[in-house]
Amino acid sequence: MGRIFEKRKHKMFARYDKMAKAFTRIGKEIAIAVKQSGPNPDNNPRLRMAMQNAKGVNMPKDRIENAIKKAASKDASNFDEVVYEGYGPHGIAILVETATDNSTRTVANVRMHFTRSGGTLGKTGSLDFLFDRKGVFKIERTASINTEELELELIDSGLDDLAVDDNEIYIYTAFNDFGAMAAALEKKGINVISAEKQRIPNNTTELTEAQQEEVIKLVEGLEQDDDVQHVYHNMK
């Protein structure tokens, strides 16, 4: 009985940690969007997307509103978006997107994670060519959506690919078509669960299970850092 309780408690804390991290990440997205184009979502597409992503992870409405107000105040921190690149264990390429108000702290923390794993932090731009930047939109799969018709309708808005699973539809666009696709989905009244600009590897490297665990440990360590927004890698 005690072991079962401990396992449940561990899962509960892990779920709360994941939710807290998601709230922190999206809070920074909101802050950056407000600093760039103001607190009015009607005139700020990036803020609208950030707010939609917040709803997608069940971020409370009052917390979203507080994040916008805080970002609009004169005393709010300015976050810089910085990308770090390096090689993790077994030559796996890793890109780390951050939003930071102290780049000295952030680079030191990122370098520490790479060093502890036996990896190396590289120069900016040294690994970018290994990844394609794509816009990825996740929408709910409903009976009213005909995926074949939707695919045809979205081609002119930059659709690259469309993938379907049991409950969701994933729409992929080129990086430069992200705004056009967001506008097209909004115009059609389609509810977007999340919208992100992701880095998708051109090729992947296959590792043994033990080697994968080493890479996953590095990735999870990076993801726990409050300055880190996203981590991408080319491990299969």
C-alpha atoms as a PDB file:
ATOM      1  CA  MET A   1       0.000   0.000   0.000  1.00  0.00           C
ATOM      2  CA  GLY A   2       2.820   2.374   0.882  1.00  0.00           C
ATOM      3  CA  ARG A   3       4.573   1.786  -2.435  1.00  0.00           C
ATOM      4  CA  ILE A   4       1.383   2.436  -4.386  1.00  0.00           C
ATOM      5  CA  PHE A   5       0.840   5.696  -2.480  1.00  0.00           C
ATOM      6  CA  GLU A   6       4.441   6.797  -3.174  1.00  0.00           C
ATOM      7  CA  LYS A   7       4.057   6.071  -6.888  1.00  0.00           C
ATOM      8  CA  ARG A   8       0.819   8.046  -7.044  1.00  0.00           C
ATOM      9  CA  LYS A   9       2.395  10.919  -5.137  1.00  0.00           C
ATOM     10  CA  HIS A  10       5.390  10.921  -7.489  1.00  0.00           C
ATOM     11  CA  LYS A  11       3.099  11.035 -10.542  1.00  0.00           C
ATOM     12  CA  MET A  12       1.068  13.843  -8.984  1.00  0.00           C
ATOM     13  CA  PHE A  13       4.150  15.964  -8.279  1.00  0.00           C
ATOM     14  CA  ALA A  14       5.500  15.258 -11.779  1.00  0.00           C
ATOM     15  CA  ARG A  15       2.190  16.440 -13.256  1.00  0.00           C
ATOM     16  CA  TYR A  16       2.246  19.613 -11.166  1.00  0.00           C
ATOM     17  CA  ASP A  17       5.880  20.297 -12.130  1.00  0.00           C
ATOM     18  CA  LYS A  18       5.006  19.907 -15.808  1.00  0.00           C
ATOM     19  CA  MET A  19       2.010  22.230 -15.458  1.00  0.00           C
ATOM     20  CA  ALA A  20       4.047  24.835 -13.542  1.00  0.00           C
ATOM     21  CA  LYS A  21       6.744  24.739 -16.228  1.00  0.00           C
ATOM     22  CA  ALA A  22       4.128  25.193 -18.963  1.00  0.00           C
ATOM     23  CA  PHE A  23       2.648  28.194 -17.136  1.00  0.00           C
ATOM     24  CA  THR A  24       6.109  29.766 -16.753  1.00  0.00           C
ATOM     25  CA  ARG A  25       6.943  29.216 -20.422  1.00  0.00           C
ATOM     26  CA  ILE A  26       3.670  30.662 -21.686  1.00  0.00           C
ATOM     27  CA  GLY A  27       3.881  33.547 -19.220  1.00  0.00           C
ATOM     28  CA  LYS A  28       7.140  34.549 -20.897  1.00  0.00           C
ATOM     29  CA  GLU A  29       5.566  34.166 -24.336  1.00  0.00           C
ATOM     30  CA  ILE A  30       2.835  36.564 -23.227  1.00  0.00           C
ATOM     31  CA  ALA A  31       5.397  39.003 -21.804  1.00  0.00           C
ATOM     32  CA  ILE A  32       7.439  39.026 -25.019  1.00  0.00           C
ATOM     33  CA  ALA A  33       4.331  39.470 -27.163  1.00  0.00           C
ATOM     34  CA  VAL A  34       3.088  42.402 -25.048  1.00  0.00           C
ATOM     35  CA  LYS A  35       6.496  44.106 -25.095  1.00  0.00           C
ATOM     36  CA  GLN A  36       6.654  43.780 -28.867  1.00  0.00           C
ATOM     37  CA  SER A  37       3.157  44.848 -29.899  1.00  0.00           C
ATOM     38  CA  GLY A  38       1.155  45.929 -26.846  1.00  0.00           C
ATOM     39  CA  PRO A  39      -1.423  44.363 -24.493  1.00  0.00           C
ATOM     40  CA  ASN A  40      -4.424  44.412 -26.853  1.00  0.00           C
ATOM     41  CA  PRO A  41      -4.832  40.930 -28.398  1.00  0.00           C
ATOM     42  CA  ASP A  42      -7.031  42.378 -31.175  1.00  0.00           C
ATOM     43  CA  ASN A  43      -3.964  44.168 -32.539  1.00  0.00           C
ATOM     44  CA  ASN A  44      -1.372  41.604 -31.510  1.00  0.00           C
ATOM     45  CA  PRO A  45      -1.449  38.226 -33.321  1.00  0.00           C
ATOM     46  CA  ARG A  46       1.448  36.844 -31.282  1.00  0.00           C
ATOM     47  CA  LEU A  47      -0.379  37.655 -28.046  1.00  0.00           C
ATOM     48  CA  ARG A  48      -3.554  35.984 -29.351  1.00  0.00           C
ATOM     49  CA  MET A  49      -1.567  32.836 -30.068  1.00  0.00           C
ATOM     50  CA  ALA A  50       0.088  32.943 -26.639  1.00  0.00           C
ATOM     51  CA  MET A  51      -3.309  33.305 -24.977  1.00  0.00           C
ATOM     52  CA  GLN A  52      -4.647  30.381 -27.007  1.00  0.00           C
ATOM     53  CA  ASN A  53      -1.667  28.257 -25.956  1.00  0.00           C
ATOM     54  CA  ALA A  54      -2.341  29.248 -22.359  1.00  0.00           C
ATOM     55  CA  LYS A  55      -5.910  27.977 -22.631  1.00  0.00           C
ATOM     56  CA  GLY A  56      -4.584  24.790 -24.219  1.00  0.00           C
ATOM     57  CA  VAL A  57      -2.661  23.937 -21.027  1.00  0.00           C
ATOM     58  CA  ASN A  58      -5.579  25.012 -18.793  1.00  0.00           C
ATOM     59  CA  MET A  59      -3.887  28.157 -17.519  1.00  0.00           C
ATOM     60  CA  PRO A  60      -6.487  30.031 -15.414  1.00  0.00           C
ATOM     61  CA  LYS A  61      -8.058  33.097 -17.029  1.00  0.00           C
ATOM     62  CA  ASP A  62      -7.068  35.393 -14.144  1.00  0.00           C
ATOM     63  CA  ARG A  63      -3.451  34.243 -14.433  1.00  0.00           C
ATOM     64  CA  ILE A  64      -3.441  35.049 -18.160  1.00  0.00           C
ATOM     65  CA  GLU A  65      -4.882  38.497 -17.476  1.00  0.00           C
ATOM     66  CA  ASN A  66      -2.347  39.127 -14.697  1.00  0.00           C
ATOM     67  CA  ALA A  67       0.510  38.104 -17.007  1.00  0.00           C
ATOM     68  CA  ILE A  68      -0.665  40.656 -19.601  1.00  0.00           C
ATOM     69  CA  LYS A  69      -1.013  43.430 -17.004  1.00  0.00           C
ATOM     70  CA  LYS A  70       2.390  42.665 -15.532  1.00  0.00           C
ATOM     71  CA  ALA A  71       4.044  42.690 -18.957  1.00  0.00           C
ATOM     72  CA  ALA A  72       2.417  46.045 -19.787  1.00  0.00           C
ATOM     73  CA  SER A  73       3.751  47.726 -16.632  1.00  0.00           C
ATOM     74  CA  LYS A  74       6.884  49.881 -16.681  1.00  0.00           C
ATOM     75  CA  ASP A  75       8.600  47.668 -14.093  1.00  0.00           C
ATOM     76  CA  ALA A  76       8.193  44.457 -16.115  1.00  0.00           C
ATOM     77  CA  SER A  77      11.309  42.502 -17.048  1.00  0.00           C
ATOM     78  CA  ASN A  78      12.476  42.467 -20.642  1.00  0.00           C
ATOM     79  CA  PHE A  79      13.091  38.973 -21.950  1.00  0.00           C
ATOM     80  CA  ASP A  80      15.559  38.285 -24.744  1.00  0.00           C
ATOM     81  CA  GLU A  81      15.048  35.239 -26.931  1.00  0.00           C
ATOM     82  CA  VAL A  82      18.380  33.425 -27.224  1.00  0.00           C
ATOM     83  CA  VAL A  83      19.128  30.085 -28.892  1.00  0.00           C
ATOM     84  CA  TYR A  84      21.992  27.875 -27.686  1.00  0.00           C
ATOM     85  CA  GLU A  85      23.356  24.979 -29.721  1.00  0.00           C
ATOM     86  CA  GLY A  86      25.558  22.062 -28.841  1.00  0.00           C
ATOM     87  CA  TYR A  87      26.230  18.358 -28.953  1.00  0.00           C
ATOM     88  CA  GLY A  88      24.945  16.073 -26.237  1.00  0.00           C
ATOM     89  CA  PRO A  89      26.041  12.522 -25.467  1.00  0.00           C
ATOM     90  CA  HIS A  90      26.864  10.328 -28.493  1.00  0.00           C
ATOM     91  CA  GLY A  91      26.951  13.274 -30.900  1.00  0.00           C
ATOM     92  CA  ILE A  92      23.266  14.171 -30.674  1.00  0.00           C
ATOM     93  CA  ALA A  93      22.628  17.733 -31.877  1.00  0.00           C
ATOM     94  CA  ILE A  94      20.616  19.813 -29.403  1.00  0.00           C
ATOM     95  CA  LEU A  95      19.081  23.283 -29.802  1.00  0.00           C
ATOM     96  CA  VAL A  96      17.880  25.138 -26.722  1.00  0.00           C
ATOM     97  CA  GLU A  97      15.491  28.071 -27.058  1.00  0.00           C
ATOM     98  CA  THR A  98      15.469  30.410 -24.074  1.00  0.00           C
ATOM     99  CA  ALA A  99      13.722  33.572 -22.913  1.00  0.00           C
ATOM    100  CA  THR A 100      15.891  35.327 -20.362  1.00  0.00           C
ATOM    101  CA  ASP A 101      16.337  38.568 -18.479  1.00  0.00           C
ATOM    102  CA  ASN A 102      19.915  37.586 -17.608  1.00  0.00           C
ATOM    103  CA  SER A 103      21.844  35.965 -20.465  1.00  0.00           C
ATOM    104  CA  THR A 104      24.971  35.534 -18.305  1.00  0.00           C
ATOM    105  CA  ARG A 105      23.042  33.323 -15.900  1.00  0.00           C
ATOM    106  CA  THR A 106      21.315  31.447 -18.697  1.00  0.00           C
ATOM    107  CA  VAL A 107      24.393  30.556 -20.729  1.00  0.00           C
ATOM    108  CA  ALA A 108      26.182  29.412 -17.561  1.00  0.00           C
ATOM    109  CA  ASN A 109      23.292  27.116 -16.663  1.00  0.00           C
ATOM    110  CA  VAL A 110      22.973  25.722 -20.187  1.00  0.00           C
ATOM    111  CA  ARG A 111      26.717  25.104 -20.415  1.00  0.00           C
ATOM    112  CA  MET A 112      26.629  23.344 -17.033  1.00  0.00           C
ATOM    113  CA  HIS A 113      23.995  20.881 -18.265  1.00  0.00           C
ATOM    114  CA  PHE A 114      25.967  20.107 -21.430  1.00  0.00           C
ATOM    115  CA  THR A 115      29.235  19.697 -19.532  1.00  0.00           C
ATOM    116  CA  ARG A 116      27.756  17.396 -16.891  1.00  0.00           C
ATOM    117  CA  SER A 117      26.389  15.129 -19.602  1.00  0.00           C
ATOM    118  CA  GLY A 118      29.711  14.948 -21.418  1.00  0.00           C
ATOM    119  CA  GLY A 119      28.479  17.207 -24.198  1.00  0.00           C
ATOM    120  CA  THR A 120      29.744  20.534 -25.524  1.00  0.00           C
ATOM    121  CA  LEU A 121      28.091  23.901 -26.105  1.00  0.00           C
ATOM    122  CA  GLY A 122      28.796  25.204 -29.624  1.00  0.00           C
ATOM    123  CA  LYS A 123      28.655  28.513 -31.446  1.00  0.00           C
ATOM    124  CA  THR A 124      25.345  30.094 -32.407  1.00  0.00           C
ATOM    125  CA  GLY A 125      24.349  28.984 -35.897  1.00  0.00           C
ATOM    126  CA  SER A 126      26.690  25.995 -35.932  1.00  0.00           C
ATOM    127  CA  LEU A 127      23.868  23.410 -35.842  1.00  0.00           C
ATOM    128  CA  ASP A 128      20.909  25.372 -37.153  1.00  0.00           C
ATOM    129  CA  PHE A 129      21.274  23.792 -40.605  1.00  0.00           C
ATOM    130  CA  LEU A 130      20.402  20.378 -39.128  1.00  0.00           C
ATOM    131  CA  PHE A 131      16.841  21.527 -38.363  1.00  0.00           C
ATOM    132  CA  ASP A 132      13.944  22.951 -40.363  1.00  0.00           C
ATOM    133  CA  ARG A 133      11.841  25.607 -38.690  1.00  0.00           C
ATOM    134  CA  LYS A 134       8.162  24.822 -39.049  1.00  0.00           C
ATOM    135  CA  GLY A 135       4.909  26.244 -37.800  1.00  0.00           C
ATOM    136  CA  VAL A 136       2.901  23.539 -36.043  1.00  0.00           C
ATOM    137  CA  PHE A 137      -0.780  24.032 -35.223  1.00  0.00           C
ATOM    138  CA  LYS A 138      -2.763  21.512 -33.186  1.00  0.00           C
ATOM    139  CA  ILE A 139      -6.536  21.589 -33.550  1.00  0.00           C
ATOM    140  CA  GLU A 140      -9.271  19.364 -32.181  1.00  0.00           C
ATOM    141  CA  ARG A 141     -10.509  16.643 -34.494  1.00  0.00           C
ATOM    142  CA  THR A 142     -14.292  16.961 -34.621  1.00  0.00           C
ATOM    143  CA  ALA A 143     -17.023  15.380 -36.727  1.00  0.00           C
ATOM    144  CA  SER A 144     -17.613  18.718 -38.474  1.00  0.00           C
ATOM    145  CA  ILE A 145     -14.074  18.826 -39.916  1.00  0.00           C
ATOM    146  CA  ASN A 146     -13.466  17.029 -43.202  1.00  0.00           C
ATOM    147  CA  THR A 147      -9.689  16.640 -43.251  1.00  0.00           C
ATOM    148  CA  GLU A 148      -9.454  16.270 -47.030  1.00  0.00           C
ATOM    149  CA  GLU A 149     -11.421  19.467 -47.602  1.00  0.00           C
ATOM    150  CA  LEU A 150      -9.466  21.273 -44.887  1.00  0.00           C
ATOM    151  CA  GLU A 151      -6.194  20.248 -46.493  1.00  0.00           C
ATOM    152  CA  LEU A 152      -7.257  21.708 -49.851  1.00  0.00           C
ATOM    153  CA  GLU A 153      -8.561  24.909 -48.246  1.00  0.00           C
ATOM    154  CA  LEU A 154      -5.310  25.574 -46.385  1.00  0.00           C
ATOM    155  CA  ILE A 155      -2.851  25.025 -49.252  1.00  0.00           C
ATOM    156  CA  ASP A 156      -2.963  28.699 -50.240  1.00  0.00           C
ATOM    157  CA  SER A 157      -2.190  29.654 -46.619  1.00  0.00           C
ATOM    158  CA  GLY A 158       1.085  27.724 -46.654  1.00  0.00           C
ATOM    159  CA  LEU A 159       0.086  24.186 -45.672  1.00  0.00           C
ATOM    160  CA  ASP A 160       3.066  21.826 -45.924  1.00  0.00           C
ATOM    161  CA  ASP A 161       1.554  18.753 -44.313  1.00  0.00           C
ATOM    162  CA  LEU A 162      -1.427  17.595 -42.295  1.00  0.00           C
ATOM    163  CA  ALA A 163      -1.359  14.691 -39.846  1.00  0.00           C
ATOM    164  CA  VAL A 164      -4.272  13.117 -37.992  1.00  0.00           C
ATOM    165  CA  ASP A 165      -4.471  11.038 -34.828  1.00  0.00           C
ATOM    166  CA  ASP A 166      -7.462   9.899 -32.761  1.00  0.00           C
ATOM    167  CA  ASN A 167      -8.343  13.256 -31.207  1.00  0.00           C
ATOM    168  CA  GLU A 168      -6.239  15.955 -32.886  1.00  0.00           C
ATOM    169  CA  ILE A 169      -5.137  17.280 -36.239  1.00  0.00           C
ATOM    170  CA  TYR A 170      -1.623  18.645 -36.742  1.00  0.00           C
ATOM    171  CA  ILE A 171      -1.049  21.283 -39.403  1.00  0.00           C
ATOM    172  CA  TYR A 172       2.510  22.018 -40.562  1.00  0.00           C
ATOM    173  CA  THR A 173       3.641  25.145 -42.393  1.00  0.00           C
ATOM    174  CA  ALA A 174       6.911  26.722 -43.447  1.00  0.00           C
ATOM    175  CA  PHE A 175       8.322  29.100 -40.822  1.00  0.00           C
ATOM    176  CA  ASN A 176       7.526  32.167 -42.943  1.00  0.00           C
ATOM    177  CA  ASP A 177       3.903  31.073 -43.413  1.00  0.00           C
ATOM    178  CA  PHE A 178       3.137  30.828 -39.700  1.00  0.00           C
ATOM    179  CA  GLY A 179       1.269  34.152 -39.565  1.00  0.00           C
ATOM    180  CA  ALA A 180      -0.757  33.423 -42.714  1.00  0.00           C
ATOM    181  CA  MET A 181      -1.838  30.034 -41.392  1.00  0.00           C
ATOM    182  CA  ALA A 182      -2.775  31.482 -37.991  1.00  0.00           C
ATOM    183  CA  ALA A 183      -4.920  34.090 -39.740  1.00  0.00           C
ATOM    184  CA  ALA A 184      -6.543  31.474 -41.992  1.00  0.00           C
ATOM    185  CA  LEU A 185      -7.510  29.213 -39.091  1.00  0.00           C
ATOM    186  CA  GLU A 186      -8.814  32.184 -37.132  1.00  0.00           C
ATOM    187  CA  LYS A 187     -10.893  33.334 -40.109  1.00  0.00           C
ATOM    188  CA  LYS A 188     -12.413  29.861 -40.436  1.00  0.00           C
ATOM    189  CA  GLY A 189     -13.339  29.896 -36.747  1.00  0.00           C
ATOM    190  CA  ILE A 190     -11.270  26.797 -36.040  1.00  0.00           C
ATOM    191  CA  ASN A 191     -10.279  26.431 -32.405  1.00  0.00           C
ATOM    192  CA  VAL A 192      -6.496  26.117 -32.150  1.00  0.00           C
ATOM    193  CA  ILE A 193      -5.328  24.127 -29.128  1.00  0.00           C
ATOM    194  CA  SER A 194      -1.714  25.192 -29.575  1.00  0.00           C
ATOM    195  CA  ALA A 195       0.446  26.981 -32.137  1.00  0.00           C
ATOM    196  CA  GLU A 196       4.232  26.842 -32.065  1.00  0.00           C
ATOM    197  CA  LYS A 197       7.266  27.425 -34.233  1.00  0.00           C
ATOM    198  CA  GLN A 198       9.178  24.182 -33.871  1.00  0.00           C
ATOM    199  CA  ARG A 199      12.564  22.962 -35.093  1.00  0.00           C
ATOM    200  CA  ILE A 200      12.243  19.599 -36.810  1.00  0.00           C
ATOM    201  CA  PRO A 201      15.439  17.621 -37.545  1.00  0.00           C
ATOM    202  CA  ASN A 202      16.278  16.910 -41.194  1.00  0.00           C
ATOM    203  CA  ASN A 203      17.795  13.568 -40.208  1.00  0.00           C
ATOM    204  CA  THR A 204      17.785  11.571 -36.983  1.00  0.00           C
ATOM    205  CA  THR A 205      20.385   9.439 -35.225  1.00  0.00           C
ATOM    206  CA  GLU A 206      19.489   6.049 -33.783  1.00  0.00           C
ATOM    207  CA  LEU A 207      20.931   5.112 -30.378  1.00  0.00           C
ATOM    208  CA  THR A 208      20.732   2.155 -28.039  1.00  0.00           C
ATOM    209  CA  GLU A 209      18.260   2.308 -25.170  1.00  0.00           C
ATOM    210  CA  ALA A 210      21.040   3.027 -22.664  1.00  0.00           C
ATOM    211  CA  GLN A 211      22.427   5.822 -24.865  1.00  0.00           C
ATOM    212  CA  GLN A 212      18.954   7.294 -25.276  1.00  0.00           C
ATOM    213  CA  GLU A 213      18.604   7.508 -21.506  1.00  0.00           C
ATOM    214  CA  GLU A 214      21.757   9.644 -21.317  1.00  0.00           C
ATOM    215  CA  VAL A 215      20.387  12.083 -23.895  1.00  0.00           C
ATOM    216  CA  ILE A 216      16.948  12.167 -22.262  1.00  0.00           C
ATOM    217  CA  LYS A 217      18.557  12.990 -18.916  1.00  0.00           C
ATOM    218  CA  LEU A 218      20.278  16.024 -20.496  1.00  0.00           C
ATOM    219  CA  VAL A 219      17.100  17.151 -22.273  1.00  0.00           C
ATOM    220  CA  GLU A 220      15.009  16.845 -19.103  1.00  0.00           C
ATOM    221  CA  GLY A 221      17.628  18.757 -17.116  1.00  0.00           C
ATOM    222  CA  LEU A 222      17.551  21.597 -19.641  1.00  0.00           C
ATOM    223  CA  GLU A 223      13.756  21.643 -19.710  1.00  0.00           C
ATOM    224  CA  GLN A 224      13.640  22.088 -15.934  1.00  0.00           C
ATOM    225  CA  ASP A 225      15.540  25.391 -16.189  1.00  0.00           C
ATOM    226  CA  ASP A 226      13.148  28.349 -15.857  1.00  0.00           C
ATOM    227  CA  ASP A 227      14.929  30.230 -18.667  1.00  0.00           C
ATOM    228  CA  VAL A 228      14.456  27.404 -21.167  1.00  0.00           C
ATOM    229  CA  GLN A 229      11.399  27.517 -23.415  1.00  0.00           C
ATOM    230  CA  HIS A 230      11.976  24.575 -25.772  1.00  0.00           C
ATOM    231  CA  VAL A 231      14.594  21.884 -26.386  1.00  0.00           C
ATOM    232  CA  TYR A 232      15.014  20.151 -29.740  1.00  0.00           C
ATOM    233  CA  HIS A 233      17.275  17.257 -30.731  1.00  0.00           C
ATOM    234  CA  ASN A 234      17.934  14.895 -33.633  1.00  0.00           C
ATOM    235  CA  MET A 235      17.775  11.615 -31.690  1.00  0.00           C
ATOM    236  CA  LYS A 236      15.472   9.089 -33.345  1.00  0.00           C
END
